[in-house]
Amino acid sequence: MNFEKISIKEDFIKLDSALKLANLCVTGGHAKIVIQNGEVKVNGEVCTMRGKKLFKGDKVEFEENGFIIV
């Protein structure tokens, strides 16, 4: 899988916000649903916490797409 790079200025970004920033979810509501349904992986493990804090180096996978926080 090819991971796109998502750049953040803060120390962390929440998972639902990161999915929107990466244009993988259009709304926060959509992000909430796919996360709660277990469709999103963080660092290779299913994550169901939409408020999960992502830090630089974390990898996210959703529907054959992936990105890494830089």
PDB file of N, CA and C in Angstrom:
ATOM      1  N   MET A   1       0.846  -1.181   0.000  1.00  0.00           N
ATOM      2  CA  MET A   1       0.000   0.000   0.000  1.00  0.00           C
ATOM      3  C   MET A   1       0.887   1.239   0.000  1.00  0.00           C
ATOM      4  N   ASN A   2       0.490   2.206  -0.790  1.00  0.00           N
ATOM      5  CA  ASN A   2       1.223   3.457  -0.854  1.00  0.00           C
ATOM      6  C   ASN A   2       0.612   4.444   0.140  1.00  0.00           C
ATOM      7  N   PHE A   3       1.417   4.986   1.022  1.00  0.00           N
ATOM      8  CA  PHE A   3       0.923   5.898   2.051  1.00  0.00           C
ATOM      9  C   PHE A   3       1.185   7.342   1.641  1.00  0.00           C
ATOM     10  N   GLU A   4       0.108   8.131   1.567  1.00  0.00           N
ATOM     11  CA  GLU A   4       0.260   9.563   1.338  1.00  0.00           C
ATOM     12  C   GLU A   4       0.731  10.199   2.629  1.00  0.00           C
ATOM     13  N   LYS A   5       1.358  11.351   2.532  1.00  0.00           N
ATOM     14  CA  LYS A   5       1.822  12.059   3.720  1.00  0.00           C
ATOM     15  C   LYS A   5       0.852  13.178   4.052  1.00  0.00           C
ATOM     16  N   ILE A   6       0.407  13.193   5.313  1.00  0.00           N
ATOM     17  CA  ILE A   6      -0.470  14.248   5.805  1.00  0.00           C
ATOM     18  C   ILE A   6       0.335  15.045   6.836  1.00  0.00           C
ATOM     19  N   SER A   7       0.533  16.315   6.553  1.00  0.00           N
ATOM     20  CA  SER A   7       1.356  17.159   7.416  1.00  0.00           C
ATOM     21  C   SER A   7       0.492  17.885   8.447  1.00  0.00           C
ATOM     22  N   ILE A   8       0.934  17.851   9.701  1.00  0.00           N
ATOM     23  CA  ILE A   8       0.233  18.590  10.755  1.00  0.00           C
ATOM     24  C   ILE A   8       1.226  19.527  11.444  1.00  0.00           C
ATOM     25  N   LYS A   9       0.707  20.647  11.946  1.00  0.00           N
ATOM     26  CA  LYS A   9       1.549  21.607  12.660  1.00  0.00           C
ATOM     27  C   LYS A   9       1.484  21.372  14.169  1.00  0.00           C
ATOM     28  N   GLU A  10       0.370  20.813  14.635  1.00  0.00           N
ATOM     29  CA  GLU A  10       0.179  20.565  16.061  1.00  0.00           C
ATOM     30  C   GLU A  10       0.945  19.303  16.474  1.00  0.00           C
ATOM     31  N   ASP A  11       0.928  18.997  17.760  1.00  0.00           N
ATOM     32  CA  ASP A  11       1.588  17.786  18.258  1.00  0.00           C
ATOM     33  C   ASP A  11       0.834  16.529  17.830  1.00  0.00           C
ATOM     34  N   PHE A  12      -0.501  16.645  17.686  1.00  0.00           N
ATOM     35  CA  PHE A  12      -1.322  15.491  17.308  1.00  0.00           C
ATOM     36  C   PHE A  12      -2.555  15.966  16.562  1.00  0.00           C
ATOM     37  N   ILE A  13      -3.246  15.003  15.931  1.00  0.00           N
ATOM     38  CA  ILE A  13      -4.536  15.253  15.292  1.00  0.00           C
ATOM     39  C   ILE A  13      -5.434  14.067  15.642  1.00  0.00           C
ATOM     40  N   LYS A  14      -6.717  14.336  15.847  1.00  0.00           N
ATOM     41  CA  LYS A  14      -7.639  13.242  16.160  1.00  0.00           C
ATOM     42  C   LYS A  14      -7.979  12.477  14.886  1.00  0.00           C
ATOM     43  N   LEU A  15      -8.245  11.190  15.062  1.00  0.00           N
ATOM     44  CA  LEU A  15      -8.465  10.280  13.936  1.00  0.00           C
ATOM     45  C   LEU A  15      -9.566  10.770  13.007  1.00  0.00           C
ATOM     46  N   ASP A  16     -10.703  11.189  13.553  1.00  0.00           N
ATOM     47  CA  ASP A  16     -11.795  11.626  12.680  1.00  0.00           C
ATOM     48  C   ASP A  16     -11.401  12.854  11.863  1.00  0.00           C
ATOM     49  N   SER A  17     -10.663  13.767  12.472  1.00  0.00           N
ATOM     50  CA  SER A  17     -10.205  14.956  11.756  1.00  0.00           C
ATOM     51  C   SER A  17      -9.183  14.594  10.683  1.00  0.00           C
ATOM     52  N   ALA A  18      -8.338  13.625  10.971  1.00  0.00           N
ATOM     53  CA  ALA A  18      -7.326  13.197  10.005  1.00  0.00           C
ATOM     54  C   ALA A  18      -7.975  12.575   8.772  1.00  0.00           C
ATOM     55  N   LEU A  19      -9.037  11.801   8.966  1.00  0.00           N
ATOM     56  CA  LEU A  19      -9.737  11.195   7.832  1.00  0.00           C
ATOM     57  C   LEU A  19     -10.344  12.277   6.935  1.00  0.00           C
ATOM     58  N   LYS A  20     -10.854  13.346   7.544  1.00  0.00           N
ATOM     59  CA  LYS A  20     -11.403  14.452   6.756  1.00  0.00           C
ATOM     60  C   LYS A  20     -10.279  15.205   6.048  1.00  0.00           C
ATOM     61  N   LEU A  21      -9.181  15.445   6.745  1.00  0.00           N
ATOM     62  CA  LEU A  21      -8.044  16.155   6.158  1.00  0.00           C
ATOM     63  C   LEU A  21      -7.474  15.397   4.967  1.00  0.00           C
ATOM     64  N   ALA A  22      -7.482  14.084   5.042  1.00  0.00           N
ATOM     65  CA  ALA A  22      -6.965  13.243   3.956  1.00  0.00           C
ATOM     66  C   ALA A  22      -7.988  13.048   2.830  1.00  0.00           C
ATOM     67  N   ASN A  23      -9.149  13.689   2.968  1.00  0.00           N
ATOM     68  CA  ASN A  23     -10.236  13.576   1.984  1.00  0.00           C
ATOM     69  C   ASN A  23     -10.750  12.148   1.817  1.00  0.00           C
ATOM     70  N   LEU A  24     -10.672  11.360   2.883  1.00  0.00           N
ATOM     71  CA  LEU A  24     -11.221  10.004   2.848  1.00  0.00           C
ATOM     72  C   LEU A  24     -12.645   9.963   3.392  1.00  0.00           C
ATOM     73  N   CYS A  25     -13.016  10.987   4.159  1.00  0.00           N
ATOM     74  CA  CYS A  25     -14.387  11.154   4.664  1.00  0.00           C
ATOM     75  C   CYS A  25     -14.794  12.606   4.417  1.00  0.00           C
ATOM     76  N   VAL A  26     -16.038  12.789   3.983  1.00  0.00           N
ATOM     77  CA  VAL A  26     -16.509  14.134   3.658  1.00  0.00           C
ATOM     78  C   VAL A  26     -16.909  14.902   4.907  1.00  0.00           C
ATOM     79  N   THR A  27     -17.524  14.192   5.863  1.00  0.00           N
ATOM     80  CA  THR A  27     -18.005  14.863   7.075  1.00  0.00           C
ATOM     81  C   THR A  27     -17.512  14.139   8.319  1.00  0.00           C
ATOM     82  N   GLY A  28     -17.611  14.823   9.439  1.00  0.00           N
ATOM     83  CA  GLY A  28     -17.268  14.198  10.711  1.00  0.00           C
ATOM     84  C   GLY A  28     -18.202  13.046  11.037  1.00  0.00           C
ATOM     85  N   GLY A  29     -19.455  13.174  10.626  1.00  0.00           N
ATOM     86  CA  GLY A  29     -20.421  12.102  10.859  1.00  0.00           C
ATOM     87  C   GLY A  29     -20.049  10.834  10.097  1.00  0.00           C
ATOM     88  N   HIS A  30     -19.610  11.000   8.864  1.00  0.00           N
ATOM     89  CA  HIS A  30     -19.172   9.847   8.066  1.00  0.00           C
ATOM     90  C   HIS A  30     -17.950   9.209   8.710  1.00  0.00           C
ATOM     91  N   ALA A  31     -17.004  10.044   9.148  1.00  0.00           N
ATOM     92  CA  ALA A  31     -15.795   9.532   9.813  1.00  0.00           C
ATOM     93  C   ALA A  31     -16.170   8.739  11.061  1.00  0.00           C
ATOM     94  N   LYS A  32     -17.091   9.279  11.850  1.00  0.00           N
ATOM     95  CA  LYS A  32     -17.527   8.606  13.085  1.00  0.00           C
ATOM     96  C   LYS A  32     -18.077   7.211  12.777  1.00  0.00           C
ATOM     97  N   ILE A  33     -18.898   7.109  11.749  1.00  0.00           N
ATOM     98  CA  ILE A  33     -19.524   5.829  11.401  1.00  0.00           C
ATOM     99  C   ILE A  33     -18.489   4.802  10.958  1.00  0.00           C
ATOM    100  N   VAL A  34     -17.582   5.183  10.050  1.00  0.00           N
ATOM    101  CA  VAL A  34     -16.618   4.198   9.556  1.00  0.00           C
ATOM    102  C   VAL A  34     -15.651   3.773  10.658  1.00  0.00           C
ATOM    103  N   ILE A  35     -15.332   4.699  11.563  1.00  0.00           N
ATOM    104  CA  ILE A  35     -14.444   4.343  12.686  1.00  0.00           C
ATOM    105  C   ILE A  35     -15.163   3.377  13.622  1.00  0.00           C
ATOM    106  N   GLN A  36     -16.394   3.703  14.004  1.00  0.00           N
ATOM    107  CA  GLN A  36     -17.149   2.849  14.929  1.00  0.00           C
ATOM    108  C   GLN A  36     -17.464   1.486  14.320  1.00  0.00           C
ATOM    109  N   ASN A  37     -17.538   1.408  12.993  1.00  0.00           N
ATOM    110  CA  ASN A  37     -17.792   0.140  12.318  1.00  0.00           C
ATOM    111  C   ASN A  37     -16.542  -0.720  12.195  1.00  0.00           C
ATOM    112  N   GLY A  38     -15.419  -0.220  12.665  1.00  0.00           N
ATOM    113  CA  GLY A  38     -14.183  -0.995  12.617  1.00  0.00           C
ATOM    114  C   GLY A  38     -13.539  -1.054  11.247  1.00  0.00           C
ATOM    115  N   GLU A  39     -13.809  -0.045  10.407  1.00  0.00           N
ATOM    116  CA  GLU A  39     -13.284  -0.029   9.047  1.00  0.00           C
ATOM    117  C   GLU A  39     -11.923   0.658   8.937  1.00  0.00           C
ATOM    118  N   VAL A  40     -11.443   1.236  10.037  1.00  0.00           N
ATOM    119  CA  VAL A  40     -10.202   2.018  10.006  1.00  0.00           C
ATOM    120  C   VAL A  40      -9.134   1.331  10.851  1.00  0.00           C
ATOM    121  N   LYS A  41      -7.924   1.264  10.305  1.00  0.00           N
ATOM    122  CA  LYS A  41      -6.791   0.709  11.053  1.00  0.00           C
ATOM    123  C   LYS A  41      -5.780   1.818  11.346  1.00  0.00           C
ATOM    124  N   VAL A  42      -5.244   1.794  12.562  1.00  0.00           N
ATOM    125  CA  VAL A  42      -4.162   2.699  12.946  1.00  0.00           C
ATOM    126  C   VAL A  42      -2.964   1.829  13.304  1.00  0.00           C
ATOM    127  N   ASN A  43      -1.872   2.052  12.604  1.00  0.00           N
ATOM    128  CA  ASN A  43      -0.653   1.264  12.802  1.00  0.00           C
ATOM    129  C   ASN A  43      -0.920  -0.248  12.719  1.00  0.00           C
ATOM    130  N   GLY A  44      -1.796  -0.630  11.761  1.00  0.00           N
ATOM    131  CA  GLY A  44      -2.062  -2.034  11.494  1.00  0.00           C
ATOM    132  C   GLY A  44      -3.123  -2.687  12.350  1.00  0.00           C
ATOM    133  N   GLU A  45      -3.701  -1.946  13.316  1.00  0.00           N
ATOM    134  CA  GLU A  45      -4.734  -2.514  14.186  1.00  0.00           C
ATOM    135  C   GLU A  45      -6.032  -1.739  14.052  1.00  0.00           C
ATOM    136  N   VAL A  46      -7.158  -2.452  14.049  1.00  0.00           N
ATOM    137  CA  VAL A  46      -8.466  -1.792  13.975  1.00  0.00           C
ATOM    138  C   VAL A  46      -8.628  -0.852  15.155  1.00  0.00           C
ATOM    139  N   CYS A  47      -9.091   0.365  14.860  1.00  0.00           N
ATOM    140  CA  CYS A  47      -9.313   1.365  15.906  1.00  0.00           C
ATOM    141  C   CYS A  47     -10.749   1.849  15.825  1.00  0.00           C
ATOM    142  N   THR A  48     -11.471   1.795  16.951  1.00  0.00           N
ATOM    143  CA  THR A  48     -12.864   2.238  16.974  1.00  0.00           C
ATOM    144  C   THR A  48     -13.040   3.511  17.805  1.00  0.00           C
ATOM    145  N   MET A  49     -11.958   4.180  18.142  1.00  0.00           N
ATOM    146  CA  MET A  49     -12.031   5.420  18.926  1.00  0.00           C
ATOM    147  C   MET A  49     -11.826   6.615  17.985  1.00  0.00           C
ATOM    148  N   ARG A  50     -12.906   7.379  17.736  1.00  0.00           N
ATOM    149  CA  ARG A  50     -12.772   8.479  16.776  1.00  0.00           C
ATOM    150  C   ARG A  50     -11.914   9.608  17.324  1.00  0.00           C
ATOM    151  N   GLY A  51     -11.786   9.700  18.638  1.00  0.00           N
ATOM    152  CA  GLY A  51     -10.967  10.737  19.254  1.00  0.00           C
ATOM    153  C   GLY A  51      -9.524  10.310  19.457  1.00  0.00           C
ATOM    154  N   LYS A  52      -9.144   9.157  18.901  1.00  0.00           N
ATOM    155  CA  LYS A  52      -7.773   8.653  19.036  1.00  0.00           C
ATOM    156  C   LYS A  52      -6.796   9.704  18.541  1.00  0.00           C
ATOM    157  N   LYS A  53      -5.795  10.003  19.349  1.00  0.00           N
ATOM    158  CA  LYS A  53      -4.792  10.989  18.973  1.00  0.00           C
ATOM    159  C   LYS A  53      -3.735  10.333  18.092  1.00  0.00           C
ATOM    160  N   LEU A  54      -3.494  10.946  16.950  1.00  0.00           N
ATOM    161  CA  LEU A  54      -2.463  10.477  16.027  1.00  0.00           C
ATOM    162  C   LEU A  54      -1.269  11.416  16.111  1.00  0.00           C
ATOM    163  N   PHE A  55      -0.099  10.831  16.173  1.00  0.00           N
ATOM    164  CA  PHE A  55       1.134  11.601  16.267  1.00  0.00           C
ATOM    165  C   PHE A  55       1.974  11.350  15.020  1.00  0.00           C
ATOM    166  N   LYS A  56       3.002  12.137  14.833  1.00  0.00           N
ATOM    167  CA  LYS A  56       3.883  11.978  13.681  1.00  0.00           C
ATOM    168  C   LYS A  56       4.399  10.541  13.619  1.00  0.00           C
ATOM    169  N   GLY A  57       4.317   9.945  12.438  1.00  0.00           N
ATOM    170  CA  GLY A  57       4.755   8.565  12.249  1.00  0.00           C
ATOM    171  C   GLY A  57       3.628   7.549  12.273  1.00  0.00           C
ATOM    172  N   ASP A  58       2.449   7.935  12.774  1.00  0.00           N
ATOM    173  CA  ASP A  58       1.312   7.013  12.796  1.00  0.00           C
ATOM    174  C   ASP A  58       0.788   6.787  11.380  1.00  0.00           C
ATOM    175  N   LYS A  59       0.407   5.532  11.103  1.00  0.00           N
ATOM    176  CA  LYS A  59      -0.130   5.166   9.790  1.00  0.00           C
ATOM    177  C   LYS A  59      -1.601   4.804   9.930  1.00  0.00           C
ATOM    178  N   VAL A  60      -2.416   5.293   8.997  1.00  0.00           N
ATOM    179  CA  VAL A  60      -3.852   5.039   9.001  1.00  0.00           C
ATOM    180  C   VAL A  60      -4.235   4.391   7.676  1.00  0.00           C
ATOM    181  N   GLU A  61      -5.093   3.359   7.757  1.00  0.00           N
ATOM    182  CA  GLU A  61      -5.582   2.674   6.558  1.00  0.00           C
ATOM    183  C   GLU A  61      -7.110   2.664   6.574  1.00  0.00           C
ATOM    184  N   PHE A  62      -7.693   2.940   5.390  1.00  0.00           N
ATOM    185  CA  PHE A  62      -9.148   2.917   5.245  1.00  0.00           C
ATOM    186  C   PHE A  62      -9.486   2.694   3.770  1.00  0.00           C
ATOM    187  N   GLU A  63     -10.256   1.651   3.486  1.00  0.00           N
ATOM    188  CA  GLU A  63     -10.731   1.336   2.116  1.00  0.00           C
ATOM    189  C   GLU A  63      -9.596   1.385   1.092  1.00  0.00           C
ATOM    190  N   GLU A  64      -8.555   0.588   1.299  1.00  0.00           N
ATOM    191  CA  GLU A  64      -7.440   0.499   0.355  1.00  0.00           C
ATOM    192  C   GLU A  64      -6.650   1.796   0.206  1.00  0.00           C
ATOM    193  N   ASN A  65      -6.913   2.781   1.075  1.00  0.00           N
ATOM    194  CA  ASN A  65      -6.152   4.026   1.084  1.00  0.00           C
ATOM    195  C   ASN A  65      -5.372   4.094   2.382  1.00  0.00           C
ATOM    196  N   GLY A  66      -4.263   4.790   2.348  1.00  0.00           N
ATOM    197  CA  GLY A  66      -3.481   4.933   3.570  1.00  0.00           C
ATOM    198  C   GLY A  66      -2.757   6.257   3.595  1.00  0.00           C
ATOM    199  N   PHE A  67      -2.507   6.734   4.809  1.00  0.00           N
ATOM    200  CA  PHE A  67      -1.706   7.936   4.963  1.00  0.00           C
ATOM    201  C   PHE A  67      -0.892   7.844   6.244  1.00  0.00           C
ATOM    202  N   ILE A  68       0.171   8.615   6.261  1.00  0.00           N
ATOM    203  CA  ILE A  68       1.049   8.679   7.413  1.00  0.00           C
ATOM    204  C   ILE A  68       1.131  10.127   7.875  1.00  0.00           C
ATOM    205  N   ILE A  69       1.126  10.300   9.185  1.00  0.00           N
ATOM    206  CA  ILE A  69       1.207  11.649   9.757  1.00  0.00           C
ATOM    207  C   ILE A  69       2.663  12.096   9.788  1.00  0.00           C
ATOM    208  N   VAL A  70       2.916  13.272   9.229  1.00  0.00           N
ATOM    209  CA  VAL A  70       4.284  13.822   9.238  1.00  0.00           C
ATOM    210  C   VAL A  70       4.292  15.207   9.835  1.00  0.00           C
TER     211      VAL A  70
END
